[in-house]
Amino acid sequence: MTDYCYPKEKRLLKPAEFKPVFNQPLFKVHQTHFMAFAYDSDHLQARLGMAITKKKIPTAVARNTIKRIIREQFRHTHAQLPALDVVFILKRSTKALSNEQMRQEISDILSKVISKQRRATAADVKHKDK
């Protein structure tokens, strides 16, 4: 049975935890409105961070809705995610998007994170074999 909870161990909470993700990302994944940075984690499971700014989304209600949607998609895909620190940022306002469209973009990003990490792991294994 899959564990869909979202405890503190699955979150990036301190600025020191965000810093390496932004400064030395393993890779970045782009969509129209969102972007995710991924970084190799020292932890055994994936962790999520969000940087949703007032500049892009001025109202707290809208920012919280976006964060809630990101957390929900993360919780549902967490079991497939590799041990990475993933930080979501907003590239542009989501005012024109419905919640379902946001869910789809976030889901696409998480799918790309999974596939990119699998490719990177496969490439590492190939290089070690040589």
Protein backbone atom coordinates (compact mmCIF):
# COMPACT_ATOMS: atom_id res chain seq x y z
CA MET A 1 0.00 0.00 0.00
CA THR A 2 1.32 3.44 -0.94
CA ASP A 3 1.90 6.05 1.73
CA TYR A 4 0.29 9.32 0.61
CA CYS A 5 1.14 11.40 3.68
CA TYR A 6 3.30 14.53 3.49
CA PRO A 7 5.45 14.67 6.66
CA LYS A 8 8.31 17.10 7.30
CA GLU A 9 10.85 14.55 6.03
CA LYS A 10 9.43 15.04 2.52
CA ARG A 11 9.81 18.85 2.58
CA LEU A 12 12.55 21.37 2.06
CA LEU A 13 12.08 23.81 4.92
CA LYS A 14 15.24 25.87 5.46
CA PRO A 15 16.98 28.30 3.12
CA ALA A 16 20.15 26.19 3.46
CA GLU A 17 18.23 23.24 1.96
CA PHE A 18 17.06 25.33 -1.02
CA LYS A 19 20.46 26.89 -1.77
CA PRO A 20 22.23 23.89 -3.37
CA VAL A 21 19.15 23.10 -5.45
CA PHE A 22 19.21 26.57 -7.04
CA ASN A 23 23.02 26.93 -7.20
CA GLN A 24 23.97 23.49 -8.58
CA PRO A 25 20.89 21.75 -9.99
CA LEU A 26 21.32 18.28 -11.42
CA PHE A 27 18.82 19.29 -14.10
CA LYS A 28 15.89 21.65 -14.73
CA VAL A 29 12.48 20.82 -16.18
CA HIS A 30 10.45 23.50 -17.95
CA GLN A 31 6.78 23.86 -18.72
CA THR A 32 4.86 26.93 -19.87
CA HIS A 33 4.06 28.26 -16.38
CA PHE A 34 6.17 26.15 -14.02
CA MET A 35 9.79 25.11 -13.71
CA ALA A 36 11.40 22.53 -11.43
CA PHE A 37 14.99 22.27 -10.26
CA ALA A 38 16.27 18.85 -9.21
CA TYR A 39 19.28 18.10 -7.02
CA ASP A 40 20.76 14.83 -5.72
CA SER A 41 19.54 14.38 -2.18
CA ASP A 42 21.38 12.88 0.79
CA HIS A 43 18.03 11.57 1.99
CA LEU A 44 16.42 8.25 1.12
CA GLN A 45 13.31 9.81 -0.41
CA ALA A 46 12.34 12.73 -2.62
CA ARG A 47 11.73 16.08 -0.95
CA LEU A 48 9.67 19.01 -2.23
CA GLY A 49 10.26 22.75 -2.02
CA MET A 50 8.29 25.61 -3.53
CA ALA A 51 9.19 29.21 -4.31
CA ILE A 52 5.92 30.84 -5.37
CA THR A 53 6.46 34.61 -5.23
CA LYS A 54 4.13 37.55 -4.68
CA LYS A 55 5.57 39.17 -7.77
CA LYS A 56 4.05 36.49 -10.03
CA ILE A 57 0.92 35.74 -7.95
CA PRO A 58 -0.10 38.75 -5.84
CA THR A 59 -2.94 37.20 -3.83
CA ALA A 60 -2.31 34.75 -0.99
CA VAL A 61 -5.38 32.71 -1.91
CA ALA A 62 -4.04 32.05 -5.42
CA ARG A 63 -0.51 31.27 -4.13
CA ASN A 64 -1.88 28.81 -1.58
CA THR A 65 -4.05 27.12 -4.22
CA ILE A 66 -1.00 26.61 -6.43
CA LYS A 67 1.02 25.22 -3.52
CA ARG A 68 -1.82 22.88 -2.57
CA ILE A 69 -2.01 21.54 -6.13
CA ILE A 70 1.78 21.02 -6.29
CA ARG A 71 1.77 19.19 -2.94
CA GLU A 72 -1.11 16.98 -4.05
CA GLN A 73 0.60 15.96 -7.31
CA PHE A 74 3.85 15.35 -5.41
CA ARG A 75 2.12 13.13 -2.85
CA HIS A 76 0.58 10.98 -5.58
CA THR A 77 3.84 10.53 -7.53
CA HIS A 78 6.22 10.38 -4.55
CA ALA A 79 6.51 6.59 -4.67
CA GLN A 80 7.96 6.70 -8.21
CA LEU A 81 10.25 9.68 -7.61
CA PRO A 82 13.97 9.05 -7.07
CA ALA A 83 15.78 10.46 -4.02
CA LEU A 84 15.99 14.04 -5.27
CA ASP A 85 15.30 17.46 -3.84
CA VAL A 86 12.79 19.10 -6.21
CA VAL A 87 11.95 22.80 -6.07
CA PHE A 88 9.08 24.28 -8.08
CA ILE A 89 9.07 27.90 -9.17
CA LEU A 90 6.59 29.90 -11.19
CA LYS A 91 7.76 31.25 -14.54
CA ARG A 92 4.64 33.29 -15.27
CA SER A 93 1.22 33.98 -13.82
CA THR A 94 -1.29 31.13 -13.79
CA LYS A 95 -4.29 33.44 -13.81
CA ALA A 96 -5.54 32.06 -17.14
CA LEU A 97 -5.12 28.40 -16.11
CA SER A 98 -7.75 26.22 -14.54
CA ASN A 99 -6.80 23.98 -11.61
CA GLU A 100 -6.92 20.96 -13.91
CA GLN A 101 -4.50 22.59 -16.36
CA MET A 102 -2.13 23.36 -13.48
CA ARG A 103 -2.37 19.76 -12.29
CA GLN A 104 -1.50 18.57 -15.78
CA GLU A 105 1.58 20.83 -16.08
CA ILE A 106 2.84 19.78 -12.65
CA SER A 107 2.21 16.12 -13.42
CA ASP A 108 4.14 16.49 -16.70
CA ILE A 109 7.08 18.04 -14.83
CA LEU A 110 7.16 15.23 -12.28
CA SER A 111 7.01 12.63 -15.07
CA LYS A 112 9.96 14.32 -16.78
CA VAL A 113 11.89 14.36 -13.50
CA ILE A 114 11.36 10.61 -13.17
CA SER A 115 12.43 9.89 -16.77
CA LYS A 116 15.47 12.22 -16.65
CA GLN A 117 16.71 10.63 -13.45
CA ARG A 118 16.26 7.13 -14.92
CA ARG A 119 18.28 8.16 -17.98
CA ALA A 120 21.00 9.70 -15.79
CA THR A 121 21.16 6.57 -13.64
CA ALA A 122 21.34 4.34 -16.71
CA ALA A 123 24.17 6.47 -18.13
CA ASP A 124 26.07 6.22 -14.83
CA VAL A 125 25.72 2.45 -14.83
CA LYS A 126 26.96 2.32 -18.43
CA HIS A 127 30.05 4.40 -17.59
CA LYS A 128 30.85 2.25 -14.55
CA ASP A 129 30.70 -0.91 -16.65
CA LYS A 130 33.35 0.38 -19.08
